[in-house]
Amino acid sequence: MTDPVPPKRLFSPAREEAEIAAGGASSPQTEHPAYKLAFQDDQFLLRDDLRPVRFQLELMKPEVLLDEARIASTFVIYGSARIPEPDKADALIEAASTDEQRLIAERLKEKSRFYDEARKLARLASRVGPDADGNKHFVVCSGGGPSIMEAANRGALDEGADSIGLNIVLPHEQLPNPYVTPGLSFQFHYFSLRKMHFLIRARAVAVFPGGFGTFDECFELLTLIQTGKIKPLPIVLFGSEYWNRVINFPALVEEGVISARDLDLFKMVETADEAWSYICDHYLGTEQMPECVT
């Protein structure tokens, strides 16, 4: 007599139990919120004292799905949500009703070239093939919104590659741009968890002109490297004219608040080709070396 094959699991799956619970008989007891299964009780999960659980869920969900998608490393692209693509830049100028609005619109038009550069950079990164185990590398990852973020996801789609969008709930509606891979489009409540996911798999970061959000993400990354919390990785800042105008990096050295070597944590570039060449040179001779197809 052979031994019976043991079952794979003893307890019923949570999904099955949830279906049974949802279709049960109705009574004053079963209709009360207290009777709901804890993981089906939205009001319970949204309590202030459940914040640690929500943190864990927001950390785990993208992590699990990215692992299932075999995404081993990412190429993160930060940048403004307001810079138009070149074809739409003139419309901003035409819509301006004051001299101040016209000046801002003209400056945005000047920066519209970065839309095309972000799209091209994403195409270059998306040509990196999977490794021998089928894991994907240098997968484009953006904030999932419009403008530079849209250009990044669009460039990946140009190459038929997957790309990630890490969106955030805002008071004004911000839908994911249509170029993000649907199964890799995530929405966050906590900025801190979103920023963490930007960097967990990052192997290179491109920072295009942007505002508070871009500055926040860029300087947090520089701080993490400066303080040794994460290993150095190639960081490229697009548009030296913009960055030198809005931030006086040498003055930070002169004031003694950063070291001169901290300026080597990033490189200013103007084009996608220049950026990709710098990233490939950084990994030259290492096992993380991308296949630098141009």
C-alpha atoms as a PDB file:
ATOM      1  CA  MET A   1       0.000   0.000   0.000  1.00  0.00           C
ATOM      2  CA  THR A   2       1.424   3.329  -1.045  1.00  0.00           C
ATOM      3  CA  ASP A   3       1.297   6.388   1.149  1.00  0.00           C
ATOM      4  CA  PRO A   4      -1.396   8.870   0.142  1.00  0.00           C
ATOM      5  CA  VAL A   5      -0.157  12.074  -1.468  1.00  0.00           C
ATOM      6  CA  PRO A   6      -0.419  14.845   1.132  1.00  0.00           C
ATOM      7  CA  PRO A   7      -2.511  17.851   0.147  1.00  0.00           C
ATOM      8  CA  LYS A   8      -0.664  20.972  -0.918  1.00  0.00           C
ATOM      9  CA  ARG A   9      -2.426  22.942   1.785  1.00  0.00           C
ATOM     10  CA  LEU A  10      -4.683  22.149   4.707  1.00  0.00           C
ATOM     11  CA  PHE A  11      -6.613  25.379   4.977  1.00  0.00           C
ATOM     12  CA  SER A  12      -8.975  26.760   2.361  1.00  0.00           C
ATOM     13  CA  PRO A  13      -7.560  29.668   0.315  1.00  0.00           C
ATOM     14  CA  ALA A  14      -8.539  33.126   1.514  1.00  0.00           C
ATOM     15  CA  ARG A  15     -10.190  33.831  -1.833  1.00  0.00           C
ATOM     16  CA  GLU A  16     -12.584  30.918  -1.391  1.00  0.00           C
ATOM     17  CA  GLU A  17     -13.375  31.875   2.189  1.00  0.00           C
ATOM     18  CA  ALA A  18     -14.054  35.440   1.105  1.00  0.00           C
ATOM     19  CA  GLU A  19     -16.552  34.255  -1.510  1.00  0.00           C
ATOM     20  CA  ILE A  20     -18.327  32.090   1.060  1.00  0.00           C
ATOM     21  CA  ALA A  21     -18.464  34.961   3.526  1.00  0.00           C
ATOM     22  CA  ALA A  22     -19.870  37.321   0.895  1.00  0.00           C
ATOM     23  CA  GLY A  23     -22.679  34.939  -0.016  1.00  0.00           C
ATOM     24  CA  GLY A  24     -23.751  33.948   3.476  1.00  0.00           C
ATOM     25  CA  ALA A  25     -27.138  34.383   5.114  1.00  0.00           C
ATOM     26  CA  SER A  26     -28.208  37.809   6.321  1.00  0.00           C
ATOM     27  CA  SER A  27     -28.867  38.628   9.962  1.00  0.00           C
ATOM     28  CA  PRO A  28     -28.285  41.599  12.268  1.00  0.00           C
ATOM     29  CA  GLN A  29     -24.993  40.024  13.246  1.00  0.00           C
ATOM     30  CA  THR A  30     -23.715  39.317   9.741  1.00  0.00           C
ATOM     31  CA  GLU A  31     -24.748  42.769   8.491  1.00  0.00           C
ATOM     32  CA  HIS A  32     -22.739  44.564  11.153  1.00  0.00           C
ATOM     33  CA  PRO A  33     -19.264  45.767  10.021  1.00  0.00           C
ATOM     34  CA  ALA A  34     -17.669  43.932  12.935  1.00  0.00           C
ATOM     35  CA  TYR A  35     -18.532  40.613  11.262  1.00  0.00           C
ATOM     36  CA  LYS A  36     -16.639  41.360   8.031  1.00  0.00           C
ATOM     37  CA  LEU A  37     -13.431  39.516   7.365  1.00  0.00           C
ATOM     38  CA  ALA A  38     -10.678  41.935   8.330  1.00  0.00           C
ATOM     39  CA  PHE A  39      -9.086  41.965   4.864  1.00  0.00           C
ATOM     40  CA  GLN A  40     -12.469  42.740   3.252  1.00  0.00           C
ATOM     41  CA  ASP A  41     -13.308  45.571   5.626  1.00  0.00           C
ATOM     42  CA  ASP A  42     -12.272  48.818   3.924  1.00  0.00           C
ATOM     43  CA  GLN A  43     -13.305  50.979   6.846  1.00  0.00           C
ATOM     44  CA  PHE A  44     -11.162  48.913   9.170  1.00  0.00           C
ATOM     45  CA  LEU A  45      -8.161  49.038   6.851  1.00  0.00           C
ATOM     46  CA  LEU A  46      -8.491  52.828   6.541  1.00  0.00           C
ATOM     47  CA  ARG A  47      -8.341  53.480  10.277  1.00  0.00           C
ATOM     48  CA  ASP A  48      -5.436  55.629  11.473  1.00  0.00           C
ATOM     49  CA  ASP A  49      -4.062  52.830  13.625  1.00  0.00           C
ATOM     50  CA  LEU A  50      -3.840  50.572  10.537  1.00  0.00           C
ATOM     51  CA  ARG A  51      -1.332  52.908   8.865  1.00  0.00           C
ATOM     52  CA  PRO A  52       1.583  50.468   9.430  1.00  0.00           C
ATOM     53  CA  VAL A  53      -0.397  47.770   7.613  1.00  0.00           C
ATOM     54  CA  ARG A  54      -1.114  50.121   4.709  1.00  0.00           C
ATOM     55  CA  PHE A  55       2.590  50.948   4.534  1.00  0.00           C
ATOM     56  CA  GLN A  56       3.367  47.262   4.274  1.00  0.00           C
ATOM     57  CA  LEU A  57       0.731  46.665   1.603  1.00  0.00           C
ATOM     58  CA  GLU A  58       1.932  49.614  -0.470  1.00  0.00           C
ATOM     59  CA  LEU A  59       5.470  48.306  -0.244  1.00  0.00           C
ATOM     60  CA  MET A  60       4.522  44.720  -1.028  1.00  0.00           C
ATOM     61  CA  LYS A  61       2.047  45.015  -3.894  1.00  0.00           C
ATOM     62  CA  PRO A  62       4.387  46.573  -6.487  1.00  0.00           C
ATOM     63  CA  GLU A  63       7.263  44.442  -5.223  1.00  0.00           C
ATOM     64  CA  VAL A  64       5.317  41.215  -5.752  1.00  0.00           C
ATOM     65  CA  LEU A  65       4.029  42.203  -9.197  1.00  0.00           C
ATOM     66  CA  LEU A  66       7.430  43.461 -10.383  1.00  0.00           C
ATOM     67  CA  ASP A  67       9.014  40.200  -9.251  1.00  0.00           C
ATOM     68  CA  GLU A  68       6.345  38.252 -11.136  1.00  0.00           C
ATOM     69  CA  ALA A  69       7.093  40.352 -14.233  1.00  0.00           C
ATOM     70  CA  ARG A  70      10.790  39.340 -13.950  1.00  0.00           C
ATOM     71  CA  ILE A  71      11.961  42.936 -13.662  1.00  0.00           C
ATOM     72  CA  ALA A  72      15.434  42.823 -12.166  1.00  0.00           C
ATOM     73  CA  SER A  73      16.563  46.413 -12.707  1.00  0.00           C
ATOM     74  CA  THR A  74      15.117  49.737 -13.837  1.00  0.00           C
ATOM     75  CA  PHE A  75      16.145  52.948 -15.532  1.00  0.00           C
ATOM     76  CA  VAL A  76      14.371  55.740 -13.678  1.00  0.00           C
ATOM     77  CA  ILE A  77      13.437  58.935 -15.494  1.00  0.00           C
ATOM     78  CA  TYR A  78      12.373  61.963 -13.443  1.00  0.00           C
ATOM     79  CA  GLY A  79      11.103  65.242 -14.865  1.00  0.00           C
ATOM     80  CA  SER A  80       8.441  67.908 -15.098  1.00  0.00           C
ATOM     81  CA  ALA A  81       4.752  67.249 -15.604  1.00  0.00           C
ATOM     82  CA  ARG A  82       4.451  70.612 -17.401  1.00  0.00           C
ATOM     83  CA  ILE A  83       6.937  70.600 -20.254  1.00  0.00           C
ATOM     84  CA  PRO A  84       4.982  70.098 -23.503  1.00  0.00           C
ATOM     85  CA  GLU A  85       5.974  67.917 -26.399  1.00  0.00           C
ATOM     86  CA  PRO A  86       7.303  70.077 -29.273  1.00  0.00           C
ATOM     87  CA  ASP A  87       4.148  69.789 -31.395  1.00  0.00           C
ATOM     88  CA  LYS A  88       2.079  71.313 -28.579  1.00  0.00           C
ATOM     89  CA  ALA A  89       4.493  74.003 -27.411  1.00  0.00           C
ATOM     90  CA  ASP A  90       3.201  76.745 -29.726  1.00  0.00           C
ATOM     91  CA  ALA A  91      -0.334  76.256 -28.413  1.00  0.00           C
ATOM     92  CA  LEU A  92       0.841  77.365 -24.959  1.00  0.00           C
ATOM     93  CA  ILE A  93       2.210  80.586 -26.386  1.00  0.00           C
ATOM     94  CA  GLU A  94      -0.968  81.256 -28.346  1.00  0.00           C
ATOM     95  CA  ALA A  95      -3.054  80.691 -25.212  1.00  0.00           C
ATOM     96  CA  ALA A  96      -1.058  83.194 -23.165  1.00  0.00           C
ATOM     97  CA  SER A  97      -3.059  86.309 -22.284  1.00  0.00           C
ATOM     98  CA  THR A  98      -0.382  88.325 -20.428  1.00  0.00           C
ATOM     99  CA  ASP A  99       3.284  89.099 -20.977  1.00  0.00           C
ATOM    100  CA  GLU A 100       4.197  87.005 -17.958  1.00  0.00           C
ATOM    101  CA  GLN A 101       2.247  83.998 -19.236  1.00  0.00           C
ATOM    102  CA  ARG A 102       3.816  84.433 -22.670  1.00  0.00           C
ATOM    103  CA  LEU A 103       7.336  84.510 -21.201  1.00  0.00           C
ATOM    104  CA  ILE A 104       6.687  81.331 -19.219  1.00  0.00           C
ATOM    105  CA  ALA A 105       5.172  79.651 -22.275  1.00  0.00           C
ATOM    106  CA  GLU A 106       8.233  80.570 -24.348  1.00  0.00           C
ATOM    107  CA  ARG A 107      10.535  79.121 -21.717  1.00  0.00           C
ATOM    108  CA  LEU A 108       8.518  75.925 -21.649  1.00  0.00           C
ATOM    109  CA  LYS A 109       8.782  75.757 -25.423  1.00  0.00           C
ATOM    110  CA  GLU A 110      12.566  76.043 -25.150  1.00  0.00           C
ATOM    111  CA  LYS A 111      12.537  73.015 -22.870  1.00  0.00           C
ATOM    112  CA  SER A 112      10.161  71.034 -25.078  1.00  0.00           C
ATOM    113  CA  ARG A 113      13.176  69.465 -26.791  1.00  0.00           C
ATOM    114  CA  PHE A 114      13.666  67.428 -23.634  1.00  0.00           C
ATOM    115  CA  TYR A 115      10.437  65.552 -24.397  1.00  0.00           C
ATOM    116  CA  ASP A 116      12.090  64.096 -27.480  1.00  0.00           C
ATOM    117  CA  GLU A 117      15.345  63.433 -25.614  1.00  0.00           C
ATOM    118  CA  ALA A 118      13.505  61.576 -22.838  1.00  0.00           C
ATOM    119  CA  ARG A 119      11.656  59.516 -25.429  1.00  0.00           C
ATOM    120  CA  LYS A 120      14.892  58.666 -27.242  1.00  0.00           C
ATOM    121  CA  LEU A 121      16.678  57.812 -23.999  1.00  0.00           C
ATOM    122  CA  ALA A 122      13.868  55.445 -23.072  1.00  0.00           C
ATOM    123  CA  ARG A 123      14.165  53.783 -26.479  1.00  0.00           C
ATOM    124  CA  LEU A 124      17.897  53.231 -25.945  1.00  0.00           C
ATOM    125  CA  ALA A 125      17.367  51.720 -22.502  1.00  0.00           C
ATOM    126  CA  SER A 126      14.522  49.535 -23.776  1.00  0.00           C
ATOM    127  CA  ARG A 127      16.819  47.855 -26.290  1.00  0.00           C
ATOM    128  CA  VAL A 128      18.639  46.092 -23.460  1.00  0.00           C
ATOM    129  CA  GLY A 129      17.538  42.487 -23.671  1.00  0.00           C
ATOM    130  CA  PRO A 130      16.755  40.074 -20.845  1.00  0.00           C
ATOM    131  CA  ASP A 131      19.549  38.070 -19.256  1.00  0.00           C
ATOM    132  CA  ALA A 132      20.090  34.337 -19.623  1.00  0.00           C
ATOM    133  CA  ASP A 133      17.528  33.661 -16.896  1.00  0.00           C
ATOM    134  CA  GLY A 134      14.864  35.768 -18.594  1.00  0.00           C
ATOM    135  CA  ASN A 135      15.111  38.679 -16.139  1.00  0.00           C
ATOM    136  CA  LYS A 136      14.547  42.138 -17.598  1.00  0.00           C
ATOM    137  CA  HIS A 137      17.027  44.936 -17.047  1.00  0.00           C
ATOM    138  CA  PHE A 138      17.012  48.719 -17.415  1.00  0.00           C
ATOM    139  CA  VAL A 139      13.221  48.694 -17.642  1.00  0.00           C
ATOM    140  CA  VAL A 140      12.040  52.285 -17.973  1.00  0.00           C
ATOM    141  CA  CYS A 141      10.315  53.592 -14.866  1.00  0.00           C
ATOM    142  CA  SER A 142       8.624  56.992 -14.603  1.00  0.00           C
ATOM    143  CA  GLY A 143       6.139  58.716 -12.341  1.00  0.00           C
ATOM    144  CA  GLY A 144       3.453  57.624 -14.777  1.00  0.00           C
ATOM    145  CA  GLY A 145       2.134  61.126 -15.410  1.00  0.00           C
ATOM    146  CA  PRO A 146       2.258  63.535 -18.361  1.00  0.00           C
ATOM    147  CA  SER A 147       5.093  65.431 -20.087  1.00  0.00           C
ATOM    148  CA  ILE A 148       8.597  64.037 -19.467  1.00  0.00           C
ATOM    149  CA  MET A 149       7.108  61.015 -17.711  1.00  0.00           C
ATOM    150  CA  GLU A 150       4.866  60.361 -20.697  1.00  0.00           C
ATOM    151  CA  ALA A 151       7.831  60.667 -23.062  1.00  0.00           C
ATOM    152  CA  ALA A 152       9.732  58.036 -21.072  1.00  0.00           C
ATOM    153  CA  ASN A 153       6.944  55.461 -21.191  1.00  0.00           C
ATOM    154  CA  ARG A 154       6.249  56.346 -24.814  1.00  0.00           C
ATOM    155  CA  GLY A 155       9.853  55.670 -25.798  1.00  0.00           C
ATOM    156  CA  ALA A 156       9.697  52.226 -24.223  1.00  0.00           C
ATOM    157  CA  LEU A 157       6.490  51.435 -26.084  1.00  0.00           C
ATOM    158  CA  ASP A 158       8.187  52.550 -29.327  1.00  0.00           C
ATOM    159  CA  GLU A 159      10.522  49.593 -28.833  1.00  0.00           C
ATOM    160  CA  GLY A 160       7.728  47.218 -27.871  1.00  0.00           C
ATOM    161  CA  ALA A 161       9.092  47.046 -24.323  1.00  0.00           C
ATOM    162  CA  ASP A 162       7.376  47.113 -20.962  1.00  0.00           C
ATOM    163  CA  SER A 163       7.621  50.216 -18.791  1.00  0.00           C
ATOM    164  CA  ILE A 164       6.598  51.099 -15.256  1.00  0.00           C
ATOM    165  CA  GLY A 165       4.480  54.008 -14.026  1.00  0.00           C
ATOM    166  CA  LEU A 166       4.428  54.943 -10.341  1.00  0.00           C
ATOM    167  CA  ASN A 167       1.472  57.291 -10.026  1.00  0.00           C
ATOM    168  CA  ILE A 168       0.306  59.099  -6.895  1.00  0.00           C
ATOM    169  CA  VAL A 169      -3.137  60.116  -5.641  1.00  0.00           C
ATOM    170  CA  LEU A 170      -3.380  63.909  -5.819  1.00  0.00           C
ATOM    171  CA  PRO A 171      -6.192  66.376  -4.979  1.00  0.00           C
ATOM    172  CA  HIS A 172      -6.496  67.060  -8.700  1.00  0.00           C
ATOM    173  CA  GLU A 173      -7.003  63.986 -10.863  1.00  0.00           C
ATOM    174  CA  GLN A 174      -3.856  62.615 -12.466  1.00  0.00           C
ATOM    175  CA  LEU A 175      -4.450  59.588 -14.633  1.00  0.00           C
ATOM    176  CA  PRO A 176      -1.573  57.391 -15.824  1.00  0.00           C
ATOM    177  CA  ASN A 177      -0.327  58.325 -19.260  1.00  0.00           C
ATOM    178  CA  PRO A 178      -1.520  55.897 -21.964  1.00  0.00           C
ATOM    179  CA  TYR A 179       1.965  54.513 -22.675  1.00  0.00           C
ATOM    180  CA  VAL A 180       2.543  52.783 -19.324  1.00  0.00           C
ATOM    181  CA  THR A 181       2.261  48.991 -19.431  1.00  0.00           C
ATOM    182  CA  PRO A 182      -1.153  48.398 -17.770  1.00  0.00           C
ATOM    183  CA  GLY A 183       0.082  45.550 -15.592  1.00  0.00           C
ATOM    184  CA  LEU A 184       2.967  47.730 -14.351  1.00  0.00           C
ATOM    185  CA  SER A 185       0.925  50.838 -13.589  1.00  0.00           C
ATOM    186  CA  PHE A 186       0.788  51.457  -9.836  1.00  0.00           C
ATOM    187  CA  GLN A 187      -0.975  54.035  -7.696  1.00  0.00           C
ATOM    188  CA  PHE A 188       0.364  55.223  -4.350  1.00  0.00           C
ATOM    189  CA  HIS A 189      -1.023  57.038  -1.356  1.00  0.00           C
ATOM    190  CA  TYR A 190       2.314  57.507   0.413  1.00  0.00           C
ATOM    191  CA  PHE A 191       4.989  59.588  -1.310  1.00  0.00           C
ATOM    192  CA  SER A 192       7.654  57.869   0.798  1.00  0.00           C
ATOM    193  CA  LEU A 193       6.749  54.391  -0.467  1.00  0.00           C
ATOM    194  CA  ARG A 194       6.541  55.618  -4.031  1.00  0.00           C
ATOM    195  CA  LYS A 195      10.027  57.149  -3.828  1.00  0.00           C
ATOM    196  CA  MET A 196      11.351  53.950  -2.314  1.00  0.00           C
ATOM    197  CA  HIS A 197      10.042  51.917  -5.243  1.00  0.00           C
ATOM    198  CA  PHE A 198      11.721  54.314  -7.663  1.00  0.00           C
ATOM    199  CA  LEU A 199      15.099  53.330  -6.242  1.00  0.00           C
ATOM    200  CA  ILE A 200      14.792  49.695  -5.109  1.00  0.00           C
ATOM    201  CA  ARG A 201      15.675  48.377  -8.590  1.00  0.00           C
ATOM    202  CA  ALA A 202      17.286  51.496 -10.097  1.00  0.00           C
ATOM    203  CA  ARG A 203      20.557  51.036 -11.985  1.00  0.00           C
ATOM    204  CA  ALA A 204      20.597  54.488 -13.580  1.00  0.00           C
ATOM    205  CA  VAL A 205      18.630  57.707 -13.139  1.00  0.00           C
ATOM    206  CA  ALA A 206      17.982  60.542 -15.584  1.00  0.00           C
ATOM    207  CA  VAL A 207      16.719  63.839 -14.199  1.00  0.00           C
ATOM    208  CA  PHE A 208      15.128  66.273 -16.632  1.00  0.00           C
ATOM    209  CA  PRO A 209      14.141  69.866 -15.805  1.00  0.00           C
ATOM    210  CA  GLY A 210      11.324  69.932 -13.294  1.00  0.00           C
ATOM    211  CA  GLY A 211       9.881  71.555 -10.209  1.00  0.00           C
ATOM    212  CA  PHE A 212       9.496  70.701  -6.540  1.00  0.00           C
ATOM    213  CA  GLY A 213       8.745  67.022  -7.135  1.00  0.00           C
ATOM    214  CA  THR A 214      11.743  66.523  -9.416  1.00  0.00           C
ATOM    215  CA  PHE A 215      14.001  68.410  -6.990  1.00  0.00           C
ATOM    216  CA  ASP A 216      12.739  66.311  -4.098  1.00  0.00           C
ATOM    217  CA  GLU A 217      13.415  63.033  -5.875  1.00  0.00           C
ATOM    218  CA  CYS A 218      16.788  64.152  -7.223  1.00  0.00           C
ATOM    219  CA  PHE A 219      18.178  65.555  -3.975  1.00  0.00           C
ATOM    220  CA  GLU A 220      16.964  62.616  -1.921  1.00  0.00           C
ATOM    221  CA  LEU A 221      18.828  60.305  -4.291  1.00  0.00           C
ATOM    222  CA  LEU A 222      21.994  62.418  -4.085  1.00  0.00           C
ATOM    223  CA  THR A 223      21.721  62.454  -0.288  1.00  0.00           C
ATOM    224  CA  LEU A 224      21.354  58.674  -0.127  1.00  0.00           C
ATOM    225  CA  ILE A 225      24.542  58.223  -2.179  1.00  0.00           C
ATOM    226  CA  GLN A 226      26.417  60.987  -0.363  1.00  0.00           C
ATOM    227  CA  THR A 227      25.679  59.401   3.012  1.00  0.00           C
ATOM    228  CA  GLY A 228      26.460  55.867   1.855  1.00  0.00           C
ATOM    229  CA  LYS A 229      22.906  54.586   2.294  1.00  0.00           C
ATOM    230  CA  ILE A 230      22.898  53.268  -1.281  1.00  0.00           C
ATOM    231  CA  LYS A 231      25.679  52.382  -3.688  1.00  0.00           C
ATOM    232  CA  PRO A 232      26.673  54.943  -6.336  1.00  0.00           C
ATOM    233  CA  LEU A 233      24.888  54.687  -9.666  1.00  0.00           C
ATOM    234  CA  PRO A 234      25.008  56.846 -12.800  1.00  0.00           C
ATOM    235  CA  ILE A 235      22.887  59.994 -12.494  1.00  0.00           C
ATOM    236  CA  VAL A 236      22.502  62.326 -15.454  1.00  0.00           C
ATOM    237  CA  LEU A 237      20.967  65.805 -15.254  1.00  0.00           C
ATOM    238  CA  PHE A 238      19.618  67.015 -18.585  1.00  0.00           C
ATOM    239  CA  GLY A 239      20.077  70.666 -19.534  1.00  0.00           C
ATOM    240  CA  SER A 240      23.086  72.373 -17.981  1.00  0.00           C
ATOM    241  CA  GLU A 241      21.649  75.818 -18.762  1.00  0.00           C
ATOM    242  CA  TYR A 242      18.545  75.033 -16.716  1.00  0.00           C
ATOM    243  CA  TRP A 243      20.302  73.434 -13.767  1.00  0.00           C
ATOM    244  CA  ASN A 244      23.014  76.077 -13.542  1.00  0.00           C
ATOM    245  CA  ARG A 245      20.359  78.768 -13.617  1.00  0.00           C
ATOM    246  CA  VAL A 246      18.117  77.355 -10.891  1.00  0.00           C
ATOM    247  CA  ILE A 247      20.816  75.835  -8.635  1.00  0.00           C
ATOM    248  CA  ASN A 248      24.287  77.192  -7.968  1.00  0.00           C
ATOM    249  CA  PHE A 249      26.071  73.911  -7.289  1.00  0.00           C
ATOM    250  CA  PRO A 250      29.582  75.449  -7.013  1.00  0.00           C
ATOM    251  CA  ALA A 251      28.244  77.882  -4.402  1.00  0.00           C
ATOM    252  CA  LEU A 252      27.290  74.936  -2.193  1.00  0.00           C
ATOM    253  CA  VAL A 253      30.932  73.877  -2.265  1.00  0.00           C
ATOM    254  CA  GLU A 254      32.124  77.419  -1.617  1.00  0.00           C
ATOM    255  CA  GLU A 255      29.774  77.705   1.349  1.00  0.00           C
ATOM    256  CA  GLY A 256      31.212  74.499   2.757  1.00  0.00           C
ATOM    257  CA  VAL A 257      27.895  72.655   2.946  1.00  0.00           C
ATOM    258  CA  ILE A 258      28.924  69.969   0.442  1.00  0.00           C
ATOM    259  CA  SER A 259      32.314  68.662  -0.654  1.00  0.00           C
ATOM    260  CA  ALA A 260      33.819  69.271  -4.066  1.00  0.00           C
ATOM    261  CA  ARG A 261      33.712  65.513  -4.707  1.00  0.00           C
ATOM    262  CA  ASP A 262      29.932  65.586  -4.248  1.00  0.00           C
ATOM    263  CA  LEU A 263      29.689  67.309  -7.624  1.00  0.00           C
ATOM    264  CA  ASP A 264      30.955  64.064  -9.132  1.00  0.00           C
ATOM    265  CA  LEU A 265      27.810  62.238  -8.025  1.00  0.00           C
ATOM    266  CA  PHE A 266      26.073  63.379 -11.203  1.00  0.00           C
ATOM    267  CA  LYS A 267      26.859  64.437 -14.745  1.00  0.00           C
ATOM    268  CA  MET A 268      25.142  67.133 -16.780  1.00  0.00           C
ATOM    269  CA  VAL A 269      24.242  66.137 -20.317  1.00  0.00           C
ATOM    270  CA  GLU A 270      22.293  67.562 -23.227  1.00  0.00           C
ATOM    271  CA  THR A 271      21.312  64.559 -25.326  1.00  0.00           C
ATOM    272  CA  ALA A 272      20.080  61.012 -24.926  1.00  0.00           C
ATOM    273  CA  ASP A 273      23.128  59.653 -26.760  1.00  0.00           C
ATOM    274  CA  GLU A 274      25.472  61.447 -24.365  1.00  0.00           C
ATOM    275  CA  ALA A 275      23.566  60.165 -21.355  1.00  0.00           C
ATOM    276  CA  TRP A 276      23.428  56.556 -22.561  1.00  0.00           C
ATOM    277  CA  SER A 277      27.140  56.568 -23.395  1.00  0.00           C
ATOM    278  CA  TYR A 278      27.938  57.786 -19.871  1.00  0.00           C
ATOM    279  CA  ILE A 279      25.769  55.057 -18.324  1.00  0.00           C
ATOM    280  CA  CYS A 280      27.371  52.343 -20.439  1.00  0.00           C
ATOM    281  CA  ASP A 281      30.847  53.607 -19.528  1.00  0.00           C
ATOM    282  CA  HIS A 282      29.902  53.483 -15.841  1.00  0.00           C
ATOM    283  CA  TYR A 283      29.092  49.777 -16.045  1.00  0.00           C
ATOM    284  CA  LEU A 284      31.884  48.856 -18.459  1.00  0.00           C
ATOM    285  CA  GLY A 285      33.468  45.596 -17.416  1.00  0.00           C
ATOM    286  CA  THR A 286      30.877  44.767 -14.745  1.00  0.00           C
ATOM    287  CA  GLU A 287      28.261  42.035 -14.672  1.00  0.00           C
ATOM    288  CA  GLN A 288      25.564  44.741 -14.796  1.00  0.00           C
ATOM    289  CA  MET A 289      26.900  45.987 -18.138  1.00  0.00           C
ATOM    290  CA  PRO A 290      23.920  46.662 -20.446  1.00  0.00           C
ATOM    291  CA  GLU A 291      24.082  45.744 -24.089  1.00  0.00           C
ATOM    292  CA  CYS A 292      24.513  49.319 -25.261  1.00  0.00           C
ATOM    293  CA  VAL A 293      22.649  49.224 -28.533  1.00  0.00           C
ATOM    294  CA  THR A 294      22.305  52.650 -30.140  1.00  0.00           C
END
